[in-house]
Protein backbone atom coordinates (compact mmCIF):
# COMPACT_ATOMS: atom_id res chain seq x y z
CA MET A 1 0.00 0.00 0.00
CA LYS A 2 1.42 3.35 -1.01
CA HIS A 3 1.39 6.06 1.62
CA SER A 4 0.52 9.59 0.68
CA ASN A 5 0.62 12.89 2.49
CA MET A 6 -3.11 13.30 2.75
CA THR A 7 -5.22 15.31 5.13
CA LEU A 8 -8.83 14.52 5.88
CA ASP A 9 -11.48 17.17 6.37
CA ILE A 10 -13.71 15.69 9.04
CA ASN A 11 -15.58 18.97 9.46
CA ILE A 12 -18.00 17.88 6.73
CA LEU A 13 -19.23 15.06 9.00
CA PRO A 14 -21.73 15.35 11.85
CA LYS A 15 -20.22 16.00 15.31
CA LEU A 16 -20.92 12.44 16.47
CA ALA A 17 -18.99 11.01 13.51
CA GLN A 18 -16.11 13.44 14.16
CA VAL A 19 -15.90 12.25 17.76
CA GLU A 20 -15.89 8.61 16.60
CA ILE A 21 -13.08 9.27 14.13
CA LEU A 22 -10.97 11.12 16.69
CA ASP A 23 -11.54 8.35 19.23
CA PHE A 24 -10.53 5.69 16.70
CA PHE A 25 -7.48 7.74 15.74
CA GLU A 26 -6.37 7.88 19.39
CA PHE A 27 -6.87 4.12 19.63
CA LEU A 28 -4.68 3.54 16.56
CA LYS A 29 -1.97 5.86 17.90
CA GLN A 30 -1.81 3.89 21.14
CA LYS A 31 -1.99 0.54 19.38
CA TYR A 32 0.89 1.19 16.99
CA GLN A 33 3.06 3.20 19.35
CA VAL A 34 4.57 0.02 20.79
CA THR A 35 4.47 -2.25 17.75
CA ASN A 36 5.67 0.32 15.24
CA ARG A 37 9.30 0.31 16.35
CA ASP A 38 11.94 -0.83 13.94
CA HIS A 39 12.93 -4.36 14.93
CA THR A 40 16.24 -4.07 13.12
CA GLN A 41 17.43 -1.56 15.71
CA ILE A 42 17.25 -4.14 18.54
CA ASN A 43 20.76 -5.32 19.16
CA ASN A 44 21.35 -9.03 19.65
CA ASN A 45 22.21 -8.75 23.35
CA GLN A 46 19.09 -6.74 24.18
CA LYS A 47 16.18 -8.90 25.30
CA THR A 48 12.59 -8.16 24.48
CA GLY A 49 9.94 -7.83 27.17
CA PHE A 50 8.64 -11.32 26.44
CA GLU A 51 12.09 -12.87 26.80
CA VAL A 52 12.52 -11.15 30.17
CA PHE A 53 9.08 -12.43 31.19
CA LEU A 54 10.01 -16.00 30.26
CA GLU A 55 13.23 -15.84 32.30
CA ASN A 56 11.38 -14.97 35.53
CA LYS A 57 9.64 -17.80 37.32
CA VAL A 58 6.01 -17.37 38.30
CA SER A 59 5.46 -18.58 41.85
CA VAL A 60 2.15 -20.16 42.73
CA LYS A 61 1.21 -21.38 46.22
CA SER A 62 -0.96 -24.22 45.00
CA ILE A 63 -2.71 -25.34 41.86
CA GLN A 64 -6.47 -25.70 42.11
CA LYS A 65 -7.69 -28.42 39.79
CA CYS A 66 -11.25 -28.15 38.49
CA THR A 67 -13.44 -30.38 36.41
CA ARG A 68 -14.94 -29.20 33.17
CA GLU A 69 -18.36 -29.00 34.80
CA GLU A 70 -17.01 -26.81 37.61
CA LEU A 71 -15.37 -24.45 35.12
CA ASN A 72 -18.56 -24.18 33.08
CA GLU A 73 -20.68 -23.24 36.10
CA ARG A 74 -21.37 -19.51 36.05
CA ASN A 75 -20.95 -19.07 39.79
CA SER A 76 -17.78 -21.14 40.25
CA PHE A 77 -15.50 -18.09 40.52
CA TYR A 78 -17.69 -15.83 42.69
């Protein structure tokens, strides 16, 4: 897909539609802020957040085993 330097005139839309577009735009900015980085700039010794997560052990006091029926009950976790 070719990118172009385009501006959109949202003033021709109703106010509700303008608010929706601005809200969606903010969502996209937040979504791609983290994933838009250039992966080629990560040096080989630098670990990603997921690699750091995998290195740390998760401690759990005990494991509660449940049957399928218990998990499917709506009130089992209340």
